[in-house]
Amino acid sequence: MNKTDQITLTSREQAFFNAYLEAIRFTETEQPEYSECFDPDFYRESMIDCLAFYSHNECYLSHDNIEQAGHDFWLTRNGHGTGFWDRPEIYGKYAERFTKVSESFGEAYANFWDN
């Protein structure tokens, strides 16, 4: 296997991505603790979007807000009524920046794998 066939996330990237997936489960399933299986294509696209957002904003995110940022990326890009813009106490002057970047990704629609 070629090394370019795999992506190894850093611990901060993984924390951001895991929180993003958790937010999807919370908003898109009836039981957030239920372990839904994401469609492989949706999972891959989600990882790409998260890495793109993260790499564009990593220098503005603190260790204390990385997981909340993963949640807020999903919530903000999909217009769930809360998100970056609603948490200036967490993100300070960057709340508006994160909101604009999130919205630039457009809405995403969760797809789950039927086994």
C-alpha atoms as a PDB file:
ATOM      1  CA  MET A   1       0.000   0.000   0.000  1.00  0.00           C
ATOM      2  CA  ASN A   2       1.272   3.442  -0.908  1.00  0.00           C
ATOM      3  CA  LYS A   3       1.716   5.849   2.025  1.00  0.00           C
ATOM      4  CA  THR A   4      -0.571   8.322   0.280  1.00  0.00           C
ATOM      5  CA  ASP A   5      -3.424   5.807   0.595  1.00  0.00           C
ATOM      6  CA  GLN A   6      -3.707   6.430   4.329  1.00  0.00           C
ATOM      7  CA  ILE A   7      -4.246   9.430   6.530  1.00  0.00           C
ATOM      8  CA  THR A   8      -3.103   9.317  10.125  1.00  0.00           C
ATOM      9  CA  LEU A   9      -4.777  12.016  12.161  1.00  0.00           C
ATOM     10  CA  THR A  10      -3.014  13.870  14.937  1.00  0.00           C
ATOM     11  CA  SER A  11      -4.621  13.620  18.382  1.00  0.00           C
ATOM     12  CA  ARG A  12      -6.147  17.105  17.983  1.00  0.00           C
ATOM     13  CA  GLU A  13      -7.488  16.294  14.508  1.00  0.00           C
ATOM     14  CA  GLN A  14      -8.944  13.027  15.841  1.00  0.00           C
ATOM     15  CA  ALA A  15     -10.588  14.819  18.786  1.00  0.00           C
ATOM     16  CA  PHE A  16     -12.131  17.369  16.389  1.00  0.00           C
ATOM     17  CA  PHE A  17     -13.355  14.654  14.015  1.00  0.00           C
ATOM     18  CA  ASN A  18     -14.753  12.456  16.792  1.00  0.00           C
ATOM     19  CA  ALA A  19     -16.686  15.401  18.205  1.00  0.00           C
ATOM     20  CA  TYR A  20     -18.040  16.188  14.727  1.00  0.00           C
ATOM     21  CA  LEU A  21     -19.301  12.600  14.384  1.00  0.00           C
ATOM     22  CA  GLU A  22     -20.796  12.752  17.867  1.00  0.00           C
ATOM     23  CA  ALA A  23     -22.716  15.891  16.907  1.00  0.00           C
ATOM     24  CA  ILE A  24     -24.041  14.123  13.810  1.00  0.00           C
ATOM     25  CA  ARG A  25     -25.264  11.205  15.890  1.00  0.00           C
ATOM     26  CA  PHE A  26     -26.889  13.605  18.346  1.00  0.00           C
ATOM     27  CA  THR A  27     -28.777  15.597  15.710  1.00  0.00           C
ATOM     28  CA  GLU A  28     -29.541  12.819  13.231  1.00  0.00           C
ATOM     29  CA  THR A  29     -30.508   9.837  15.370  1.00  0.00           C
ATOM     30  CA  GLU A  30     -33.171   9.337  18.000  1.00  0.00           C
ATOM     31  CA  GLN A  31     -30.698   7.891  20.500  1.00  0.00           C
ATOM     32  CA  PRO A  32     -27.333   9.702  20.533  1.00  0.00           C
ATOM     33  CA  GLU A  33     -25.662   6.853  22.401  1.00  0.00           C
ATOM     34  CA  TYR A  34     -26.694   4.396  19.684  1.00  0.00           C
ATOM     35  CA  SER A  35     -23.689   3.510  17.558  1.00  0.00           C
ATOM     36  CA  GLU A  36     -24.804   4.228  14.003  1.00  0.00           C
ATOM     37  CA  CYS A  37     -22.650   3.024  11.149  1.00  0.00           C
ATOM     38  CA  PHE A  38     -21.906   5.849   8.757  1.00  0.00           C
ATOM     39  CA  ASP A  39     -21.941   5.208   5.040  1.00  0.00           C
ATOM     40  CA  PRO A  40     -18.261   4.835   4.042  1.00  0.00           C
ATOM     41  CA  ASP A  41     -18.455   7.621   1.439  1.00  0.00           C
ATOM     42  CA  PHE A  42     -20.129   9.979   3.909  1.00  0.00           C
ATOM     43  CA  TYR A  43     -17.540   9.111   6.565  1.00  0.00           C
ATOM     44  CA  ARG A  44     -14.689   9.850   4.134  1.00  0.00           C
ATOM     45  CA  GLU A  45     -16.248  13.130   2.982  1.00  0.00           C
ATOM     46  CA  SER A  46     -16.797  14.119   6.621  1.00  0.00           C
ATOM     47  CA  MET A  47     -13.159  13.475   7.408  1.00  0.00           C
ATOM     48  CA  ILE A  48     -12.046  15.539   4.411  1.00  0.00           C
ATOM     49  CA  ASP A  49     -14.331  18.430   5.415  1.00  0.00           C
ATOM     50  CA  CYS A  50     -13.147  18.284   9.020  1.00  0.00           C
ATOM     51  CA  LEU A  51      -9.497  18.250   8.013  1.00  0.00           C
ATOM     52  CA  ALA A  52     -10.052  21.155   5.623  1.00  0.00           C
ATOM     53  CA  PHE A  53     -11.813  23.220   8.286  1.00  0.00           C
ATOM     54  CA  TYR A  54      -9.275  22.241  10.926  1.00  0.00           C
ATOM     55  CA  SER A  55      -6.213  22.994   8.800  1.00  0.00           C
ATOM     56  CA  HIS A  56      -7.671  26.378   7.836  1.00  0.00           C
ATOM     57  CA  ASN A  57      -8.344  27.337  11.487  1.00  0.00           C
ATOM     58  CA  GLU A  58      -6.023  25.219  13.631  1.00  0.00           C
ATOM     59  CA  CYS A  59      -3.908  28.155  14.793  1.00  0.00           C
ATOM     60  CA  TYR A  60      -7.019  29.827  16.252  1.00  0.00           C
ATOM     61  CA  LEU A  61      -8.267  26.789  18.184  1.00  0.00           C
ATOM     62  CA  SER A  62      -7.098  26.099  21.714  1.00  0.00           C
ATOM     63  CA  HIS A  63      -6.642  22.725  23.369  1.00  0.00           C
ATOM     64  CA  ASP A  64      -9.604  23.602  25.583  1.00  0.00           C
ATOM     65  CA  ASN A  65     -12.105  24.138  22.762  1.00  0.00           C
ATOM     66  CA  ILE A  66     -11.083  21.577  20.143  1.00  0.00           C
ATOM     67  CA  GLU A  67     -13.914  19.131  20.887  1.00  0.00           C
ATOM     68  CA  GLN A  68     -16.527  21.868  21.140  1.00  0.00           C
ATOM     69  CA  ALA A  69     -15.262  23.156  17.794  1.00  0.00           C
ATOM     70  CA  GLY A  70     -15.905  19.744  16.211  1.00  0.00           C
ATOM     71  CA  HIS A  71     -19.496  19.849  17.458  1.00  0.00           C
ATOM     72  CA  ASP A  72     -19.937  23.450  16.387  1.00  0.00           C
ATOM     73  CA  PHE A  73     -18.625  22.813  12.881  1.00  0.00           C
ATOM     74  CA  TRP A  74     -21.472  20.350  12.289  1.00  0.00           C
ATOM     75  CA  LEU A  75     -24.082  22.493  14.044  1.00  0.00           C
ATOM     76  CA  THR A  76     -23.086  25.729  12.305  1.00  0.00           C
ATOM     77  CA  ARG A  77     -22.731  24.415   8.758  1.00  0.00           C
ATOM     78  CA  ASN A  78     -26.185  22.842   9.011  1.00  0.00           C
ATOM     79  CA  GLY A  79     -27.996  25.750  10.658  1.00  0.00           C
ATOM     80  CA  HIS A  80     -29.002  23.911  13.829  1.00  0.00           C
ATOM     81  CA  GLY A  81     -29.658  27.168  15.716  1.00  0.00           C
ATOM     82  CA  THR A  82     -26.451  27.091  17.727  1.00  0.00           C
ATOM     83  CA  GLY A  83     -22.787  26.875  16.943  1.00  0.00           C
ATOM     84  CA  PHE A  84     -19.705  29.045  16.709  1.00  0.00           C
ATOM     85  CA  TRP A  85     -21.627  32.319  16.458  1.00  0.00           C
ATOM     86  CA  ASP A  86     -23.483  31.458  19.663  1.00  0.00           C
ATOM     87  CA  ARG A  87     -20.347  30.900  21.786  1.00  0.00           C
ATOM     88  CA  PRO A  88     -18.186  34.045  21.881  1.00  0.00           C
ATOM     89  CA  GLU A  89     -17.217  33.144  25.452  1.00  0.00           C
ATOM     90  CA  ILE A  90     -15.447  30.074  24.039  1.00  0.00           C
ATOM     91  CA  TYR A  91     -14.058  31.372  20.747  1.00  0.00           C
ATOM     92  CA  GLY A  92     -13.687  35.082  21.453  1.00  0.00           C
ATOM     93  CA  LYS A  93     -13.087  37.208  18.389  1.00  0.00           C
ATOM     94  CA  TYR A  94     -12.815  34.093  16.197  1.00  0.00           C
ATOM     95  CA  ALA A  95     -16.464  33.021  16.603  1.00  0.00           C
ATOM     96  CA  GLU A  96     -17.520  35.017  13.545  1.00  0.00           C
ATOM     97  CA  ARG A  97     -14.589  33.731  11.480  1.00  0.00           C
ATOM     98  CA  PHE A  98     -15.409  30.097  12.328  1.00  0.00           C
ATOM     99  CA  THR A  99     -19.060  30.716  11.490  1.00  0.00           C
ATOM    100  CA  LYS A 100     -18.254  32.115   8.046  1.00  0.00           C
ATOM    101  CA  VAL A 101     -15.834  29.305   7.233  1.00  0.00           C
ATOM    102  CA  SER A 102     -18.351  26.660   8.397  1.00  0.00           C
ATOM    103  CA  GLU A 103     -21.114  28.142   6.293  1.00  0.00           C
ATOM    104  CA  SER A 104     -18.823  28.179   3.256  1.00  0.00           C
ATOM    105  CA  PHE A 105     -18.816  24.359   3.353  1.00  0.00           C
ATOM    106  CA  GLY A 106     -22.585  24.280   2.858  1.00  0.00           C
ATOM    107  CA  GLU A 107     -24.989  21.869   4.480  1.00  0.00           C
ATOM    108  CA  ALA A 108     -24.158  18.182   4.772  1.00  0.00           C
ATOM    109  CA  TYR A 109     -26.637  15.349   4.985  1.00  0.00           C
ATOM    110  CA  ALA A 110     -25.745  12.375   7.128  1.00  0.00           C
ATOM    111  CA  ASN A 111     -25.883   8.981   5.446  1.00  0.00           C
ATOM    112  CA  PHE A 112     -25.908   5.795   7.428  1.00  0.00           C
ATOM    113  CA  TRP A 113     -25.017   2.358   6.206  1.00  0.00           C
ATOM    114  CA  ASP A 114     -27.782  -0.206   6.083  1.00  0.00           C
ATOM    115  CA  ASN A 115     -26.435  -3.564   7.177  1.00  0.00           C
END
